[in-house]
Amino acid sequence: MPTSVRLTPEIEERLNFLAAQTGRSKAFYLREIIERGLDEMEDCFLAADVLERVRKGKEKIYPPAEIKKDLDLED
């Protein structure tokens, strides 16, 4: 799926340099950056959503003792 992104001149210069030095395309690095960054963004923002649901009492939470018992991890 084609997508356009506006980059600052500094970022574009860095991307051009990286591509030129390694012989890979700018598209390769942009895909890598997005894939790696998306994982981090999902972790961050989805966790924030869960935390908000916990604070509002809309998300079930389990005490550590119950988890240990359910997973048969008790001492």
N, C-alpha and C. Protein backbone atom coordinates (compact mmCIF):
# COMPACT_ATOMS: atom_id res chain seq x y z
N MET A 1 0.85 -1.17 0.00
CA MET A 1 0.00 0.00 0.00
C MET A 1 0.90 1.24 0.00
N PRO A 2 0.80 2.05 -1.01
CA PRO A 2 1.60 3.27 -1.05
C PRO A 2 1.16 4.26 0.02
N THR A 3 2.13 4.85 0.69
CA THR A 3 1.87 5.85 1.72
C THR A 3 2.92 6.94 1.57
N SER A 4 2.52 8.16 1.74
CA SER A 4 3.51 9.24 1.66
C SER A 4 3.78 9.79 3.06
N VAL A 5 5.01 10.19 3.26
CA VAL A 5 5.44 10.72 4.55
C VAL A 5 6.33 11.93 4.28
N ARG A 6 6.10 13.00 5.00
CA ARG A 6 6.97 14.18 4.89
C ARG A 6 8.06 14.05 5.95
N LEU A 7 9.29 14.14 5.50
CA LEU A 7 10.44 14.07 6.40
C LEU A 7 11.10 15.44 6.47
N THR A 8 11.70 15.72 7.61
CA THR A 8 12.49 16.94 7.70
C THR A 8 13.72 16.77 6.81
N PRO A 9 14.28 17.86 6.35
CA PRO A 9 15.49 17.74 5.51
C PRO A 9 16.61 16.98 6.21
N GLU A 10 16.74 17.15 7.51
CA GLU A 10 17.79 16.45 8.25
C GLU A 10 17.58 14.94 8.24
N ILE A 11 16.34 14.52 8.45
CA ILE A 11 16.04 13.08 8.46
C ILE A 11 16.22 12.51 7.06
N GLU A 12 15.78 13.25 6.05
CA GLU A 12 15.95 12.79 4.67
C GLU A 12 17.43 12.63 4.33
N GLU A 13 18.23 13.58 4.78
CA GLU A 13 19.68 13.52 4.53
C GLU A 13 20.28 12.28 5.20
N ARG A 14 19.89 12.04 6.43
CA ARG A 14 20.41 10.86 7.15
C ARG A 14 19.99 9.57 6.45
N LEU A 15 18.74 9.52 6.02
CA LEU A 15 18.24 8.34 5.32
C LEU A 15 18.97 8.14 3.99
N ASN A 16 19.18 9.22 3.25
CA ASN A 16 19.93 9.14 1.99
C ASN A 16 21.35 8.63 2.23
N PHE A 17 21.99 9.15 3.26
CA PHE A 17 23.36 8.74 3.59
C PHE A 17 23.41 7.26 3.94
N LEU A 18 22.48 6.82 4.78
CA LEU A 18 22.44 5.41 5.18
C LEU A 18 22.24 4.52 3.97
N ALA A 19 21.32 4.87 3.11
CA ALA A 19 21.05 4.07 1.92
C ALA A 19 22.28 4.03 1.00
N ALA A 20 22.91 5.18 0.81
CA ALA A 20 24.08 5.24 -0.06
C ALA A 20 25.25 4.42 0.50
N GLN A 21 25.45 4.50 1.79
CA GLN A 21 26.58 3.81 2.41
C GLN A 21 26.40 2.29 2.44
N THR A 22 25.16 1.84 2.50
CA THR A 22 24.91 0.40 2.65
C THR A 22 24.44 -0.27 1.37
N GLY A 23 24.08 0.53 0.37
CA GLY A 23 23.59 -0.05 -0.88
C GLY A 23 22.16 -0.56 -0.81
N ARG A 24 21.48 -0.24 0.24
CA ARG A 24 20.06 -0.63 0.36
C ARG A 24 19.21 0.58 0.00
N SER A 25 17.95 0.30 -0.30
CA SER A 25 17.05 1.39 -0.68
C SER A 25 16.53 2.14 0.55
N LYS A 26 16.12 3.36 0.31
CA LYS A 26 15.48 4.13 1.38
C LYS A 26 14.20 3.42 1.81
N ALA A 27 13.48 2.83 0.86
CA ALA A 27 12.24 2.12 1.19
C ALA A 27 12.51 0.96 2.15
N PHE A 28 13.63 0.29 1.97
CA PHE A 28 14.00 -0.80 2.88
C PHE A 28 14.09 -0.27 4.31
N TYR A 29 14.82 0.82 4.49
CA TYR A 29 15.00 1.36 5.83
C TYR A 29 13.71 1.94 6.40
N LEU A 30 12.91 2.56 5.57
CA LEU A 30 11.63 3.07 6.06
C LEU A 30 10.73 1.93 6.54
N ARG A 31 10.70 0.82 5.80
CA ARG A 31 9.91 -0.34 6.26
C ARG A 31 10.44 -0.86 7.59
N GLU A 32 11.77 -0.98 7.70
CA GLU A 32 12.37 -1.46 8.95
C GLU A 32 12.02 -0.55 10.12
N ILE A 33 12.15 0.74 9.90
CA ILE A 33 11.86 1.71 10.95
C ILE A 33 10.41 1.61 11.38
N ILE A 34 9.51 1.51 10.41
CA ILE A 34 8.08 1.43 10.74
C ILE A 34 7.76 0.13 11.46
N GLU A 35 8.27 -0.99 10.98
CA GLU A 35 7.99 -2.26 11.63
C GLU A 35 8.49 -2.29 13.07
N ARG A 36 9.71 -1.87 13.27
CA ARG A 36 10.28 -1.87 14.63
C ARG A 36 9.58 -0.85 15.52
N GLY A 37 9.35 0.32 14.96
CA GLY A 37 8.70 1.38 15.73
C GLY A 37 7.26 1.05 16.05
N LEU A 38 6.58 0.37 15.13
CA LEU A 38 5.19 0.01 15.35
C LEU A 38 5.06 -0.94 16.54
N ASP A 39 5.98 -1.89 16.66
CA ASP A 39 5.96 -2.79 17.82
C ASP A 39 6.03 -1.99 19.12
N GLU A 40 6.95 -1.03 19.16
CA GLU A 40 7.10 -0.21 20.36
C GLU A 40 5.87 0.65 20.62
N MET A 41 5.32 1.22 19.55
CA MET A 41 4.13 2.07 19.69
C MET A 41 2.94 1.25 20.19
N GLU A 42 2.78 0.05 19.65
CA GLU A 42 1.69 -0.81 20.10
C GLU A 42 1.85 -1.13 21.58
N ASP A 43 3.06 -1.50 21.98
CA ASP A 43 3.32 -1.80 23.39
C ASP A 43 2.96 -0.62 24.27
N CYS A 44 3.40 0.54 23.88
CA CYS A 44 3.19 1.74 24.69
C CYS A 44 1.72 2.15 24.74
N PHE A 45 1.11 2.33 23.60
CA PHE A 45 -0.24 2.87 23.57
C PHE A 45 -1.30 1.86 23.96
N LEU A 46 -1.11 0.59 23.61
CA LEU A 46 -2.08 -0.42 24.02
C LEU A 46 -2.00 -0.64 25.53
N ALA A 47 -0.80 -0.58 26.08
CA ALA A 47 -0.65 -0.70 27.53
C ALA A 47 -1.33 0.47 28.23
N ALA A 48 -1.20 1.65 27.66
CA ALA A 48 -1.84 2.83 28.26
C ALA A 48 -3.36 2.68 28.25
N ASP A 49 -3.89 2.09 27.18
CA ASP A 49 -5.34 1.85 27.12
C ASP A 49 -5.79 0.87 28.20
N VAL A 50 -5.01 -0.20 28.39
CA VAL A 50 -5.34 -1.18 29.43
C VAL A 50 -5.27 -0.52 30.80
N LEU A 51 -4.23 0.26 31.04
CA LEU A 51 -4.09 0.95 32.32
C LEU A 51 -5.29 1.85 32.59
N GLU A 52 -5.74 2.55 31.57
CA GLU A 52 -6.91 3.42 31.74
C GLU A 52 -8.16 2.59 32.08
N ARG A 53 -8.32 1.44 31.44
CA ARG A 53 -9.47 0.57 31.76
C ARG A 53 -9.36 0.03 33.18
N VAL A 54 -8.16 -0.28 33.63
CA VAL A 54 -7.95 -0.74 35.01
C VAL A 54 -8.35 0.36 35.99
N ARG A 55 -7.88 1.57 35.71
CA ARG A 55 -8.20 2.70 36.59
C ARG A 55 -9.71 2.97 36.67
N LYS A 56 -10.41 2.71 35.56
CA LYS A 56 -11.86 2.93 35.54
C LYS A 56 -12.65 1.72 36.03
N GLY A 57 -11.93 0.66 36.41
CA GLY A 57 -12.60 -0.54 36.90
C GLY A 57 -13.24 -1.37 35.79
N LYS A 58 -12.82 -1.17 34.56
CA LYS A 58 -13.40 -1.88 33.43
C LYS A 58 -12.54 -3.06 32.97
N GLU A 59 -11.43 -3.29 33.64
CA GLU A 59 -10.52 -4.37 33.28
C GLU A 59 -10.30 -5.23 34.51
N LYS A 60 -10.50 -6.54 34.36
CA LYS A 60 -10.31 -7.45 35.49
C LYS A 60 -8.83 -7.56 35.80
N ILE A 61 -8.51 -7.49 37.07
CA ILE A 61 -7.13 -7.67 37.52
C ILE A 61 -7.08 -8.85 38.47
N TYR A 62 -5.92 -9.46 38.56
CA TYR A 62 -5.75 -10.65 39.39
C TYR A 62 -4.62 -10.43 40.38
N PRO A 63 -4.84 -10.78 41.63
CA PRO A 63 -3.77 -10.65 42.62
C PRO A 63 -2.66 -11.67 42.32
N PRO A 64 -1.42 -11.32 42.63
CA PRO A 64 -0.30 -12.23 42.36
C PRO A 64 -0.50 -13.62 42.97
N ALA A 65 -1.03 -13.71 44.17
CA ALA A 65 -1.23 -15.01 44.81
C ALA A 65 -2.17 -15.89 43.98
N GLU A 66 -3.20 -15.30 43.41
CA GLU A 66 -4.14 -16.06 42.59
C GLU A 66 -3.47 -16.55 41.30
N ILE A 67 -2.65 -15.72 40.72
CA ILE A 67 -1.95 -16.12 39.50
C ILE A 67 -0.99 -17.27 39.79
N LYS A 68 -0.23 -17.15 40.88
CA LYS A 68 0.69 -18.21 41.25
C LYS A 68 -0.05 -19.52 41.47
N LYS A 69 -1.19 -19.45 42.15
CA LYS A 69 -1.98 -20.65 42.43
C LYS A 69 -2.51 -21.24 41.11
N ASP A 70 -3.06 -20.43 40.24
CA ASP A 70 -3.60 -20.92 38.97
C ASP A 70 -2.52 -21.54 38.09
N LEU A 71 -1.31 -21.00 38.17
CA LEU A 71 -0.21 -21.53 37.35
C LEU A 71 0.61 -22.58 38.09
N ASP A 72 0.14 -22.96 39.26
CA ASP A 72 0.81 -23.96 40.09
C ASP A 72 2.27 -23.55 40.37
N LEU A 73 2.44 -22.30 40.76
CA LEU A 73 3.78 -21.76 41.05
C LEU A 73 3.98 -21.48 42.53
N GLU A 74 3.06 -21.96 43.36
CA GLU A 74 3.18 -21.69 44.79
C GLU A 74 4.37 -22.44 45.36
N ASP A 75 4.96 -21.84 46.39
CA ASP A 75 6.13 -22.45 47.07
C ASP A 75 5.74 -23.71 47.80
